[in-house]
Amino acid sequence: IDLSGKFETEKPEFVRWKWASIEEALGL
């Protein structure tokens, strides 16, 4: 996983990421 945007045609969309339960994701 690489958020640098090297495959993105625009500016990278994300600054950080994580794995979460699907229910936790809903809360964020």
mmCIF file of all heavy atoms, coordinates in Angstrom:
data_MODEL
# 
_entry.id   MODEL 
# 
loop_
_atom_site.group_PDB 
_atom_site.id 
_atom_site.type_symbol 
_atom_site.label_atom_id 
_atom_site.label_alt_id 
_atom_site.label_comp_id 
_atom_site.label_asym_id 
_atom_site.label_entity_id 
_atom_site.label_seq_id 
_atom_site.pdbx_PDB_ins_code 
_atom_site.Cartn_x 
_atom_site.Cartn_y 
_atom_site.Cartn_z 
_atom_site.occupancy 
_atom_site.B_iso_or_equiv 
_atom_site.pdbx_formal_charge 
_atom_site.auth_seq_id 
_atom_site.auth_comp_id 
_atom_site.auth_asym_id 
_atom_site.auth_atom_id 
_atom_site.pdbx_PDB_model_num 
ATOM 1   N N   . ILE A 1 1  ? 0.854   -1.195 0.000   1.00 0.00 ? 1  ILE A N   1 
ATOM 2   C CA  . ILE A 1 1  ? 0.000   0.000  0.000   1.00 0.00 ? 1  ILE A CA  1 
ATOM 3   C C   . ILE A 1 1  ? 0.884   1.238  0.000   1.00 0.00 ? 1  ILE A C   1 
ATOM 4   O O   . ILE A 1 1  ? 1.774   1.386  0.823   1.00 0.00 ? 1  ILE A O   1 
ATOM 5   C CB  . ILE A 1 1  ? -0.974  -0.029 1.200   1.00 0.00 ? 1  ILE A CB  1 
ATOM 6   C CG1 . ILE A 1 1  ? -1.919  -1.234 1.036   1.00 0.00 ? 1  ILE A CG1 1 
ATOM 7   C CG2 . ILE A 1 1  ? -1.741  1.286  1.300   1.00 0.00 ? 1  ILE A CG2 1 
ATOM 8   C CD1 . ILE A 1 1  ? -2.796  -1.510 2.212   1.00 0.00 ? 1  ILE A CD1 1 
ATOM 9   N N   . ASP A 1 2  ? 0.606   2.117  -0.953  1.00 0.00 ? 2  ASP A N   1 
ATOM 10  C CA  . ASP A 1 2  ? 1.436   3.302  -1.182  1.00 0.00 ? 2  ASP A CA  1 
ATOM 11  C C   . ASP A 1 2  ? 0.515   4.486  -1.489  1.00 0.00 ? 2  ASP A C   1 
ATOM 12  O O   . ASP A 1 2  ? -0.121  4.519  -2.544  1.00 0.00 ? 2  ASP A O   1 
ATOM 13  C CB  . ASP A 1 2  ? 2.384   3.035  -2.352  1.00 0.00 ? 2  ASP A CB  1 
ATOM 14  C CG  . ASP A 1 2  ? 3.257   4.218  -2.696  1.00 0.00 ? 2  ASP A CG  1 
ATOM 15  O OD1 . ASP A 1 2  ? 3.155   5.282  -2.057  1.00 0.00 ? 2  ASP A OD1 1 
ATOM 16  O OD2 . ASP A 1 2  ? 4.057   4.077  -3.648  1.00 0.00 ? 2  ASP A OD2 1 
ATOM 17  N N   . LEU A 1 3  ? 0.443   5.423  -0.569  1.00 0.00 ? 3  LEU A N   1 
ATOM 18  C CA  . LEU A 1 3  ? -0.435  6.594  -0.747  1.00 0.00 ? 3  LEU A CA  1 
ATOM 19  C C   . LEU A 1 3  ? 0.264   7.762  -1.424  1.00 0.00 ? 3  LEU A C   1 
ATOM 20  O O   . LEU A 1 3  ? -0.297  8.849  -1.504  1.00 0.00 ? 3  LEU A O   1 
ATOM 21  C CB  . LEU A 1 3  ? -0.977  7.044  0.613   1.00 0.00 ? 3  LEU A CB  1 
ATOM 22  C CG  . LEU A 1 3  ? -1.755  6.011  1.433   1.00 0.00 ? 3  LEU A CG  1 
ATOM 23  C CD1 . LEU A 1 3  ? -2.286  6.651  2.712   1.00 0.00 ? 3  LEU A CD1 1 
ATOM 24  C CD2 . LEU A 1 3  ? -2.878  5.381  0.639   1.00 0.00 ? 3  LEU A CD2 1 
ATOM 25  N N   . SER A 1 4  ? 1.465   7.564  -1.946  1.00 0.00 ? 4  SER A N   1 
ATOM 26  C CA  . SER A 1 4  ? 2.240   8.665  -2.523  1.00 0.00 ? 4  SER A CA  1 
ATOM 27  C C   . SER A 1 4  ? 1.628   9.243  -3.784  1.00 0.00 ? 4  SER A C   1 
ATOM 28  O O   . SER A 1 4  ? 1.960   10.358 -4.182  1.00 0.00 ? 4  SER A O   1 
ATOM 29  C CB  . SER A 1 4  ? 3.668   8.202  -2.823  1.00 0.00 ? 4  SER A CB  1 
ATOM 30  O OG  . SER A 1 4  ? 3.681   7.304  -3.924  1.00 0.00 ? 4  SER A OG  1 
ATOM 31  N N   . GLY A 1 5  ? 0.760   8.481  -4.433  1.00 0.00 ? 5  GLY A N   1 
ATOM 32  C CA  . GLY A 1 5  ? 0.118   8.987  -5.640  1.00 0.00 ? 5  GLY A CA  1 
ATOM 33  C C   . GLY A 1 5  ? 0.887   8.727  -6.919  1.00 0.00 ? 5  GLY A C   1 
ATOM 34  O O   . GLY A 1 5  ? 0.586   9.322  -7.940  1.00 0.00 ? 5  GLY A O   1 
ATOM 35  N N   . LYS A 1 6  ? 1.853   7.825  -6.887  1.00 0.00 ? 6  LYS A N   1 
ATOM 36  C CA  . LYS A 1 6  ? 2.657   7.597  -8.089  1.00 0.00 ? 6  LYS A CA  1 
ATOM 37  C C   . LYS A 1 6  ? 1.837   7.018  -9.240  1.00 0.00 ? 6  LYS A C   1 
ATOM 38  O O   . LYS A 1 6  ? 2.242   7.125  -10.387 1.00 0.00 ? 6  LYS A O   1 
ATOM 39  C CB  . LYS A 1 6  ? 3.870   6.726  -7.794  1.00 0.00 ? 6  LYS A CB  1 
ATOM 40  C CG  . LYS A 1 6  ? 3.597   5.294  -7.434  1.00 0.00 ? 6  LYS A CG  1 
ATOM 41  C CD  . LYS A 1 6  ? 4.912   4.570  -7.153  1.00 0.00 ? 6  LYS A CD  1 
ATOM 42  C CE  . LYS A 1 6  ? 4.664   3.156  -6.668  1.00 0.00 ? 6  LYS A CE  1 
ATOM 43  N NZ  . LYS A 1 6  ? 5.906   2.507  -6.304  1.00 0.00 ? 6  LYS A NZ  1 
ATOM 44  N N   . PHE A 1 7  ? 0.664   6.456  -8.971  1.00 0.00 ? 7  PHE A N   1 
ATOM 45  C CA  . PHE A 1 7  ? -0.217  5.956  -10.022 1.00 0.00 ? 7  PHE A CA  1 
ATOM 46  C C   . PHE A 1 7  ? -1.438  6.857  -10.219 1.00 0.00 ? 7  PHE A C   1 
ATOM 47  O O   . PHE A 1 7  ? -2.328  6.550  -11.000 1.00 0.00 ? 7  PHE A O   1 
ATOM 48  C CB  . PHE A 1 7  ? -0.686  4.532  -9.707  1.00 0.00 ? 7  PHE A CB  1 
ATOM 49  C CG  . PHE A 1 7  ? 0.445   3.561  -9.594  1.00 0.00 ? 7  PHE A CG  1 
ATOM 50  C CD1 . PHE A 1 7  ? 0.852   3.095  -8.353  1.00 0.00 ? 7  PHE A CD1 1 
ATOM 51  C CD2 . PHE A 1 7  ? 1.126   3.131  -10.723 1.00 0.00 ? 7  PHE A CD2 1 
ATOM 52  C CE1 . PHE A 1 7  ? 1.900   2.197  -8.237  1.00 0.00 ? 7  PHE A CE1 1 
ATOM 53  C CE2 . PHE A 1 7  ? 2.179   2.233  -10.617 1.00 0.00 ? 7  PHE A CE2 1 
ATOM 54  C CZ  . PHE A 1 7  ? 2.563   1.771  -9.373  1.00 0.00 ? 7  PHE A CZ  1 
ATOM 55  N N   . GLU A 1 8  ? -1.491  7.950  -9.497  1.00 0.00 ? 8  GLU A N   1 
ATOM 56  C CA  . GLU A 1 8  ? -2.619  8.882  -9.508  1.00 0.00 ? 8  GLU A CA  1 
ATOM 57  C C   . GLU A 1 8  ? -2.381  9.975  -10.544 1.00 0.00 ? 8  GLU A C   1 
ATOM 58  O O   . GLU A 1 8  ? -1.276  10.488 -10.655 1.00 0.00 ? 8  GLU A O   1 
ATOM 59  C CB  . GLU A 1 8  ? -2.779  9.498  -8.112  1.00 0.00 ? 8  GLU A CB  1 
ATOM 60  C CG  . GLU A 1 8  ? -3.922  10.455 -7.929  1.00 0.00 ? 8  GLU A CG  1 
ATOM 61  C CD  . GLU A 1 8  ? -5.270  9.777  -7.963  1.00 0.00 ? 8  GLU A CD  1 
ATOM 62  O OE1 . GLU A 1 8  ? -5.637  9.102  -7.013  1.00 0.00 ? 8  GLU A OE1 1 
ATOM 63  O OE2 . GLU A 1 8  ? -5.964  9.963  -8.992  1.00 0.00 ? 8  GLU A OE2 1 
ATOM 64  N N   . THR A 1 9  ? -3.423  10.323 -11.291 1.00 0.00 ? 9  THR A N   1 
ATOM 65  C CA  . THR A 1 9  ? -3.297  11.396 -12.277 1.00 0.00 ? 9  THR A CA  1 
ATOM 66  C C   . THR A 1 9  ? -3.433  12.770 -11.642 1.00 0.00 ? 9  THR A C   1 
ATOM 67  O O   . THR A 1 9  ? -3.071  13.763 -12.246 1.00 0.00 ? 9  THR A O   1 
ATOM 68  C CB  . THR A 1 9  ? -4.367  11.241 -13.378 1.00 0.00 ? 9  THR A CB  1 
ATOM 69  O OG1 . THR A 1 9  ? -5.663  11.245 -12.757 1.00 0.00 ? 9  THR A OG1 1 
ATOM 70  C CG2 . THR A 1 9  ? -4.177  9.937  -14.145 1.00 0.00 ? 9  THR A CG2 1 
ATOM 71  N N   . GLU A 1 10 ? -3.971  12.806 -10.436 1.00 0.00 ? 10 GLU A N   1 
ATOM 72  C CA  . GLU A 1 10 ? -4.135  14.056 -9.704  1.00 0.00 ? 10 GLU A CA  1 
ATOM 73  C C   . GLU A 1 10 ? -3.315  13.983 -8.421  1.00 0.00 ? 10 GLU A C   1 
ATOM 74  O O   . GLU A 1 10 ? -2.557  13.056 -8.207  1.00 0.00 ? 10 GLU A O   1 
ATOM 75  C CB  . GLU A 1 10 ? -5.623  14.282 -9.400  1.00 0.00 ? 10 GLU A CB  1 
ATOM 76  C CG  . GLU A 1 10 ? -6.477  14.350 -10.661 1.00 0.00 ? 10 GLU A CG  1 
ATOM 77  C CD  . GLU A 1 10 ? -7.964  14.317 -10.349 1.00 0.00 ? 10 GLU A CD  1 
ATOM 78  O OE1 . GLU A 1 10 ? -8.341  14.254 -9.156  1.00 0.00 ? 10 GLU A OE1 1 
ATOM 79  O OE2 . GLU A 1 10 ? -8.745  14.353 -11.296 1.00 0.00 ? 10 GLU A OE2 1 
ATOM 80  N N   . LYS A 1 11 ? -3.515  14.946 -7.561  1.00 0.00 ? 11 LYS A N   1 
ATOM 81  C CA  . LYS A 1 11 ? -2.839  14.952 -6.263  1.00 0.00 ? 11 LYS A CA  1 
ATOM 82  C C   . LYS A 1 11 ? -3.304  13.738 -5.446  1.00 0.00 ? 11 LYS A C   1 
ATOM 83  O O   . LYS A 1 11 ? -4.480  13.375 -5.491  1.00 0.00 ? 11 LYS A O   1 
ATOM 84  C CB  . LYS A 1 11 ? -3.224  16.254 -5.543  1.00 0.00 ? 11 LYS A CB  1 
ATOM 85  C CG  . LYS A 1 11 ? -2.398  16.592 -4.357  1.00 0.00 ? 11 LYS A CG  1 
ATOM 86  C CD  . LYS A 1 11 ? -2.805  17.967 -3.845  1.00 0.00 ? 11 LYS A CD  1 
ATOM 87  C CE  . LYS A 1 11 ? -1.809  18.451 -2.818  1.00 0.00 ? 11 LYS A CE  1 
ATOM 88  N NZ  . LYS A 1 11 ? -2.153  19.787 -2.341  1.00 0.00 ? 11 LYS A NZ  1 
ATOM 89  N N   . PRO A 1 12 ? -2.405  13.111 -4.676  1.00 0.00 ? 12 PRO A N   1 
ATOM 90  C CA  . PRO A 1 12 ? -2.824  11.974 -3.848  1.00 0.00 ? 12 PRO A CA  1 
ATOM 91  C C   . PRO A 1 12 ? -3.995  12.353 -2.945  1.00 0.00 ? 12 PRO A C   1 
ATOM 92  O O   . PRO A 1 12 ? -4.055  13.453 -2.406  1.00 0.00 ? 12 PRO A O   1 
ATOM 93  C CB  . PRO A 1 12 ? -1.582  11.653 -3.010  1.00 0.00 ? 12 PRO A CB  1 
ATOM 94  C CG  . PRO A 1 12 ? -0.446  12.236 -3.765  1.00 0.00 ? 12 PRO A CG  1 
ATOM 95  C CD  . PRO A 1 12 ? -0.995  13.424 -4.500  1.00 0.00 ? 12 PRO A CD  1 
ATOM 96  N N   . GLU A 1 13 ? -4.925  11.423 -2.819  1.00 0.00 ? 13 GLU A N   1 
ATOM 97  C CA  . GLU A 1 13 ? -6.158  11.712 -2.086  1.00 0.00 ? 13 GLU A CA  1 
ATOM 98  C C   . GLU A 1 13 ? -6.037  11.524 -0.579  1.00 0.00 ? 13 GLU A C   1 
ATOM 99  O O   . GLU A 1 13 ? -6.707  12.201 0.186   1.00 0.00 ? 13 GLU A O   1 
ATOM 100 C CB  . GLU A 1 13 ? -7.286  10.813 -2.618  1.00 0.00 ? 13 GLU A CB  1 
ATOM 101 C CG  . GLU A 1 13 ? -8.631  11.194 -2.106  1.00 0.00 ? 13 GLU A CG  1 
ATOM 102 C CD  . GLU A 1 13 ? -9.753  10.597 -2.938  1.00 0.00 ? 13 GLU A CD  1 
ATOM 103 O OE1 . GLU A 1 13 ? -9.505  10.137 -4.052  1.00 0.00 ? 13 GLU A OE1 1 
ATOM 104 O OE2 . GLU A 1 13 ? -10.885 10.621 -2.437  1.00 0.00 ? 13 GLU A OE2 1 
ATOM 105 N N   . PHE A 1 14 ? -5.180  10.599 -0.160  1.00 0.00 ? 14 PHE A N   1 
ATOM 106 C CA  . PHE A 1 14 ? -5.136  10.219 1.245   1.00 0.00 ? 14 PHE A CA  1 
ATOM 107 C C   . PHE A 1 14 ? -3.787  10.535 1.885   1.00 0.00 ? 14 PHE A C   1 
ATOM 108 O O   . PHE A 1 14 ? -2.759  10.537 1.218   1.00 0.00 ? 14 PHE A O   1 
ATOM 109 C CB  . PHE A 1 14 ? -5.413  8.723  1.397   1.00 0.00 ? 14 PHE A CB  1 
ATOM 110 C CG  . PHE A 1 14 ? -6.738  8.292  0.829   1.00 0.00 ? 14 PHE A CG  1 
ATOM 111 C CD1 . PHE A 1 14 ? -6.801  7.298  -0.138  1.00 0.00 ? 14 PHE A CD1 1 
ATOM 112 C CD2 . PHE A 1 14 ? -7.917  8.862  1.253   1.00 0.00 ? 14 PHE A CD2 1 
ATOM 113 C CE1 . PHE A 1 14 ? -8.015  6.881  -0.651  1.00 0.00 ? 14 PHE A CE1 1 
ATOM 114 C CE2 . PHE A 1 14 ? -9.145  8.463  0.736   1.00 0.00 ? 14 PHE A CE2 1 
ATOM 115 C CZ  . PHE A 1 14 ? -9.186  7.460  -0.222  1.00 0.00 ? 14 PHE A CZ  1 
ATOM 116 N N   . VAL A 1 15 ? -3.815  10.772 3.223   1.00 0.00 ? 15 VAL A N   1 
ATOM 117 C CA  . VAL A 1 15 ? -2.577  11.026 3.967   1.00 0.00 ? 15 VAL A CA  1 
ATOM 118 C C   . VAL A 1 15 ? -2.185  9.874  4.888   1.00 0.00 ? 15 VAL A C   1 
ATOM 119 O O   . VAL A 1 15 ? -1.023  9.724  5.226   1.00 0.00 ? 15 VAL A O   1 
ATOM 120 C CB  . VAL A 1 15 ? -2.662  12.338 4.784   1.00 0.00 ? 15 VAL A CB  1 
ATOM 121 C CG1 . VAL A 1 15 ? -2.718  13.536 3.867   1.00 0.00 ? 15 VAL A CG1 1 
ATOM 122 C CG2 . VAL A 1 15 ? -3.826  12.322 5.748   1.00 0.00 ? 15 VAL A CG2 1 
ATOM 123 N N   . ARG A 1 16 ? -3.147  9.087  5.321   1.00 0.00 ? 16 ARG A N   1 
ATOM 124 C CA  . ARG A 1 16 ? -2.834  7.923  6.152   1.00 0.00 ? 16 ARG A CA  1 
ATOM 125 C C   . ARG A 1 16 ? -3.975  6.927  6.026   1.00 0.00 ? 16 ARG A C   1 
ATOM 126 O O   . ARG A 1 16 ? -5.070  7.271  5.591   1.00 0.00 ? 16 ARG A O   1 
ATOM 127 C CB  . ARG A 1 16 ? -2.571  8.296  7.603   1.00 0.00 ? 16 ARG A CB  1 
ATOM 128 C CG  . ARG A 1 16 ? -3.712  8.944  8.337   1.00 0.00 ? 16 ARG A CG  1 
ATOM 129 C CD  . ARG A 1 16 ? -3.264  9.399  9.736   1.00 0.00 ? 16 ARG A CD  1 
ATOM 130 N NE  . ARG A 1 16 ? -4.344  10.127 10.359  1.00 0.00 ? 16 ARG A NE  1 
ATOM 131 C CZ  . ARG A 1 16 ? -4.821  9.862  11.568  1.00 0.00 ? 16 ARG A CZ  1 
ATOM 132 N NH1 . ARG A 1 16 ? -4.285  8.912  12.292  1.00 0.00 ? 16 ARG A NH1 1 
ATOM 133 N NH2 . ARG A 1 16 ? -5.796  10.577 12.073  1.00 0.00 ? 16 ARG A NH2 1 
ATOM 134 N N   . TRP A 1 17 ? -3.690  5.705  6.432   1.00 0.00 ? 17 TRP A N   1 
ATOM 135 C CA  . TRP A 1 17 ? -4.684  4.644  6.291   1.00 0.00 ? 17 TRP A CA  1 
ATOM 136 C C   . TRP A 1 17 ? -4.575  3.665  7.456   1.00 0.00 ? 17 TRP A C   1 
ATOM 137 O O   . TRP A 1 17 ? -3.607  3.671  8.205   1.00 0.00 ? 17 TRP A O   1 
ATOM 138 C CB  . TRP A 1 17 ? -4.498  3.910  4.959   1.00 0.00 ? 17 TRP A CB  1 
ATOM 139 C CG  . TRP A 1 17 ? -3.222  3.117  4.880   1.00 0.00 ? 17 TRP A CG  1 
ATOM 140 C CD1 . TRP A 1 17 ? -1.991  3.586  4.508   1.00 0.00 ? 17 TRP A CD1 1 
ATOM 141 C CD2 . TRP A 1 17 ? -3.038  1.743  5.203   1.00 0.00 ? 17 TRP A CD2 1 
ATOM 142 N NE1 . TRP A 1 17 ? -1.062  2.566  4.576   1.00 0.00 ? 17 TRP A NE1 1 
ATOM 143 C CE2 . TRP A 1 17 ? -1.678  1.420  4.990   1.00 0.00 ? 17 TRP A CE2 1 
ATOM 144 C CE3 . TRP A 1 17 ? -3.898  0.733  5.653   1.00 0.00 ? 17 TRP A CE3 1 
ATOM 145 C CZ2 . TRP A 1 17 ? -1.158  0.158  5.205   1.00 0.00 ? 17 TRP A CZ2 1 
ATOM 146 C CZ3 . TRP A 1 17 ? -3.380  -0.541 5.870   1.00 0.00 ? 17 TRP A CZ3 1 
ATOM 147 C CH2 . TRP A 1 17 ? -2.024  -0.814 5.640   1.00 0.00 ? 17 TRP A CH2 1 
ATOM 148 N N   . LYS A 1 18 ? -5.605  2.811  7.563   1.00 0.00 ? 18 LYS A N   1 
ATOM 149 C CA  . LYS A 1 18 ? -5.584  1.752  8.563   1.00 0.00 ? 18 LYS A CA  1 
ATOM 150 C C   . LYS A 1 18 ? -6.609  0.684  8.196   1.00 0.00 ? 18 LYS A C   1 
ATOM 151 O O   . LYS A 1 18 ? -7.494  0.916  7.364   1.00 0.00 ? 18 LYS A O   1 
ATOM 152 C CB  . LYS A 1 18 ? -5.868  2.295  9.961   1.00 0.00 ? 18 LYS A CB  1 
ATOM 153 C CG  . LYS A 1 18 ? -7.267  2.861  10.159  1.00 0.00 ? 18 LYS A CG  1 
ATOM 154 C CD  . LYS A 1 18 ? -7.420  3.368  11.589  1.00 0.00 ? 18 LYS A CD  1 
ATOM 155 C CE  . LYS A 1 18 ? -8.791  3.961  11.846  1.00 0.00 ? 18 LYS A CE  1 
ATOM 156 N NZ  . LYS A 1 18 ? -8.927  4.349  13.267  1.00 0.00 ? 18 LYS A NZ  1 
ATOM 157 N N   . TRP A 1 19 ? -6.458  -0.465 8.805   1.00 0.00 ? 19 TRP A N   1 
ATOM 158 C CA  . TRP A 1 19 ? -7.464  -1.520 8.733   1.00 0.00 ? 19 TRP A CA  1 
ATOM 159 C C   . TRP A 1 19 ? -8.384  -1.346 9.937   1.00 0.00 ? 19 TRP A C   1 
ATOM 160 O O   . TRP A 1 19 ? -7.915  -1.070 11.038  1.00 0.00 ? 19 TRP A O   1 
ATOM 161 C CB  . TRP A 1 19 ? -6.816  -2.904 8.769   1.00 0.00 ? 19 TRP A CB  1 
ATOM 162 C CG  . TRP A 1 19 ? -5.942  -3.212 7.589   1.00 0.00 ? 19 TRP A CG  1 
ATOM 163 C CD1 . TRP A 1 19 ? -4.582  -3.302 7.596   1.00 0.00 ? 19 TRP A CD1 1 
ATOM 164 C CD2 . TRP A 1 19 ? -6.361  -3.472 6.254   1.00 0.00 ? 19 TRP A CD2 1 
ATOM 165 N NE1 . TRP A 1 19 ? -4.131  -3.611 6.338   1.00 0.00 ? 19 TRP A NE1 1 
ATOM 166 C CE2 . TRP A 1 19 ? -5.205  -3.717 5.490   1.00 0.00 ? 19 TRP A CE2 1 
ATOM 167 C CE3 . TRP A 1 19 ? -7.592  -3.517 5.608   1.00 0.00 ? 19 TRP A CE3 1 
ATOM 168 C CZ2 . TRP A 1 19 ? -5.250  -4.008 4.135   1.00 0.00 ? 19 TRP A CZ2 1 
ATOM 169 C CZ3 . TRP A 1 19 ? -7.640  -3.805 4.252   1.00 0.00 ? 19 TRP A CZ3 1 
ATOM 170 C CH2 . TRP A 1 19 ? -6.489  -4.049 3.531   1.00 0.00 ? 19 TRP A CH2 1 
ATOM 171 N N   . ALA A 1 20 ? -9.674  -1.521 9.715   1.00 0.00 ? 20 ALA A N   1 
ATOM 172 C CA  . ALA A 1 20 ? -10.655 -1.360 10.798  1.00 0.00 ? 20 ALA A CA  1 
ATOM 173 C C   . ALA A 1 20 ? -11.791 -2.350 10.580  1.00 0.00 ? 20 ALA A C   1 
ATOM 174 O O   . ALA A 1 20 ? -12.006 -2.834 9.468   1.00 0.00 ? 20 ALA A O   1 
ATOM 175 C CB  . ALA A 1 20 ? -11.209 0.065  10.798  1.00 0.00 ? 20 ALA A CB  1 
ATOM 176 N N   . SER A 1 21 ? -12.524 -2.621 11.642  1.00 0.00 ? 21 SER A N   1 
ATOM 177 C CA  . SER A 1 21 ? -13.733 -3.430 11.455  1.00 0.00 ? 21 SER A CA  1 
ATOM 178 C C   . SER A 1 21 ? -14.688 -2.619 10.587  1.00 0.00 ? 21 SER A C   1 
ATOM 179 O O   . SER A 1 21 ? -14.643 -1.376 10.576  1.00 0.00 ? 21 SER A O   1 
ATOM 180 C CB  . SER A 1 21 ? -14.381 -3.763 12.803  1.00 0.00 ? 21 SER A CB  1 
ATOM 181 O OG  . SER A 1 21 ? -14.999 -2.610 13.348  1.00 0.00 ? 21 SER A OG  1 
ATOM 182 N N   . ILE A 1 22 ? -15.554 -3.297 9.871   1.00 0.00 ? 22 ILE A N   1 
ATOM 183 C CA  . ILE A 1 22 ? -16.477 -2.588 8.992   1.00 0.00 ? 22 ILE A CA  1 
ATOM 184 C C   . ILE A 1 22 ? -17.406 -1.679 9.809   1.00 0.00 ? 22 ILE A C   1 
ATOM 185 O O   . ILE A 1 22 ? -17.767 -0.594 9.372   1.00 0.00 ? 22 ILE A O   1 
ATOM 186 C CB  . ILE A 1 22 ? -17.242 -3.579 8.078   1.00 0.00 ? 22 ILE A CB  1 
ATOM 187 C CG1 . ILE A 1 22 ? -17.899 -2.828 6.906   1.00 0.00 ? 22 ILE A CG1 1 
ATOM 188 C CG2 . ILE A 1 22 ? -18.209 -4.434 8.867   1.00 0.00 ? 22 ILE A CG2 1 
ATOM 189 C CD1 . ILE A 1 22 ? -18.391 -3.733 5.793   1.00 0.00 ? 22 ILE A CD1 1 
ATOM 190 N N   . GLU A 1 23 ? -17.736 -2.092 11.020  1.00 0.00 ? 23 GLU A N   1 
ATOM 191 C CA  . GLU A 1 23 ? -18.584 -1.260 11.883  1.00 0.00 ? 23 GLU A CA  1 
ATOM 192 C C   . GLU A 1 23 ? -17.828 -0.020 12.357  1.00 0.00 ? 23 GLU A C   1 
ATOM 193 O O   . GLU A 1 23 ? -18.399 1.070  12.444  1.00 0.00 ? 23 GLU A O   1 
ATOM 194 C CB  . GLU A 1 23 ? -19.093 -2.065 13.073  1.00 0.00 ? 23 GLU A CB  1 
ATOM 195 C CG  . GLU A 1 23 ? -20.054 -3.184 12.712  1.00 0.00 ? 23 GLU A CG  1 
ATOM 196 C CD  . GLU A 1 23 ? -19.364 -4.470 12.243  1.00 0.00 ? 23 GLU A CD  1 
ATOM 197 O OE1 . GLU A 1 23 ? -18.110 -4.572 12.322  1.00 0.00 ? 23 GLU A OE1 1 
ATOM 198 O OE2 . GLU A 1 23 ? -20.088 -5.368 11.770  1.00 0.00 ? 23 GLU A OE2 1 
ATOM 199 N N   . GLU A 1 24 ? -16.539 -0.179 12.686  1.00 0.00 ? 24 GLU A N   1 
ATOM 200 C CA  . GLU A 1 24 ? -15.733 0.975  13.087  1.00 0.00 ? 24 GLU A CA  1 
ATOM 201 C C   . GLU A 1 24 ? -15.619 1.973  11.940  1.00 0.00 ? 24 GLU A C   1 
ATOM 202 O O   . GLU A 1 24 ? -15.682 3.185  12.145  1.00 0.00 ? 24 GLU A O   1 
ATOM 203 C CB  . GLU A 1 24 ? -14.332 0.529  13.520  1.00 0.00 ? 24 GLU A CB  1 
ATOM 204 C CG  . GLU A 1 24 ? -13.432 1.680  13.931  1.00 0.00 ? 24 GLU A CG  1 
ATOM 205 C CD  . GLU A 1 24 ? -11.989 1.255  14.198  1.00 0.00 ? 24 GLU A CD  1 
ATOM 206 O OE1 . GLU A 1 24 ? -11.680 0.058  14.182  1.00 0.00 ? 24 GLU A OE1 1 
ATOM 207 O OE2 . GLU A 1 24 ? -11.164 2.157  14.418  1.00 0.00 ? 24 GLU A OE2 1 
ATOM 208 N N   . ALA A 1 25 ? -15.460 1.469  10.739  1.00 0.00 ? 25 ALA A N   1 
ATOM 209 C CA  . ALA A 1 25 ? -15.362 2.340  9.559   1.00 0.00 ? 25 ALA A CA  1 
ATOM 210 C C   . ALA A 1 25 ? -16.602 3.220  9.445   1.00 0.00 ? 25 ALA A C   1 
ATOM 211 O O   . ALA A 1 25 ? -16.501 4.419  9.170   1.00 0.00 ? 25 ALA A O   1 
ATOM 212 C CB  . ALA A 1 25 ? -15.167 1.507  8.298   1.00 0.00 ? 25 ALA A CB  1 
ATOM 213 N N   . LEU A 1 26 ? -17.754 2.641  9.678   1.00 0.00 ? 26 LEU A N   1 
ATOM 214 C CA  . LEU A 1 26 ? -19.004 3.409  9.597   1.00 0.00 ? 26 LEU A CA  1 
ATOM 215 C C   . LEU A 1 26 ? -18.975 4.599  10.555  1.00 0.00 ? 26 LEU A C   1 
ATOM 216 O O   . LEU A 1 26 ? -19.415 5.697  10.215  1.00 0.00 ? 26 LEU A O   1 
ATOM 217 C CB  . LEU A 1 26 ? -20.197 2.504  9.910   1.00 0.00 ? 26 LEU A CB  1 
ATOM 218 C CG  . LEU A 1 26 ? -21.566 3.167  9.934   1.00 0.00 ? 26 LEU A CG  1 
ATOM 219 C CD1 . LEU A 1 26 ? -21.911 3.771  8.580   1.00 0.00 ? 26 LEU A CD1 1 
ATOM 220 C CD2 . LEU A 1 26 ? -22.630 2.162  10.350  1.00 0.00 ? 26 LEU A CD2 1 
ATOM 221 N N   . GLY A 1 27 ? -18.408 4.442  11.719  1.00 0.00 ? 27 GLY A N   1 
ATOM 222 C CA  . GLY A 1 27 ? -18.343 5.511  12.706  1.00 0.00 ? 27 GLY A CA  1 
ATOM 223 C C   . GLY A 1 27 ? -17.371 6.631  12.358  1.00 0.00 ? 27 GLY A C   1 
ATOM 224 O O   . GLY A 1 27 ? -17.442 7.709  12.934  1.00 0.00 ? 27 GLY A O   1 
ATOM 225 N N   . LEU A 1 28 ? -16.462 6.382  11.423  1.00 0.00 ? 28 LEU A N   1 
ATOM 226 C CA  . LEU A 1 28 ? -15.455 7.389  11.059  1.00 0.00 ? 28 LEU A CA  1 
ATOM 227 C C   . LEU A 1 28 ? -15.793 8.160  9.789   1.00 0.00 ? 28 LEU A C   1 
ATOM 228 O O   . LEU A 1 28 ? -15.109 9.111  9.440   1.00 0.00 ? 28 LEU A O   1 
ATOM 229 C CB  . LEU A 1 28 ? -14.086 6.709  10.884  1.00 0.00 ? 28 LEU A CB  1 
ATOM 230 C CG  . LEU A 1 28 ? -13.496 6.091  12.144  1.00 0.00 ? 28 LEU A CG  1 
ATOM 231 C CD1 . LEU A 1 28 ? -12.263 5.272  11.807  1.00 0.00 ? 28 LEU A CD1 1 
ATOM 232 C CD2 . LEU A 1 28 ? -13.171 7.171  13.161  1.00 0.00 ? 28 LEU A CD2 1 
# 
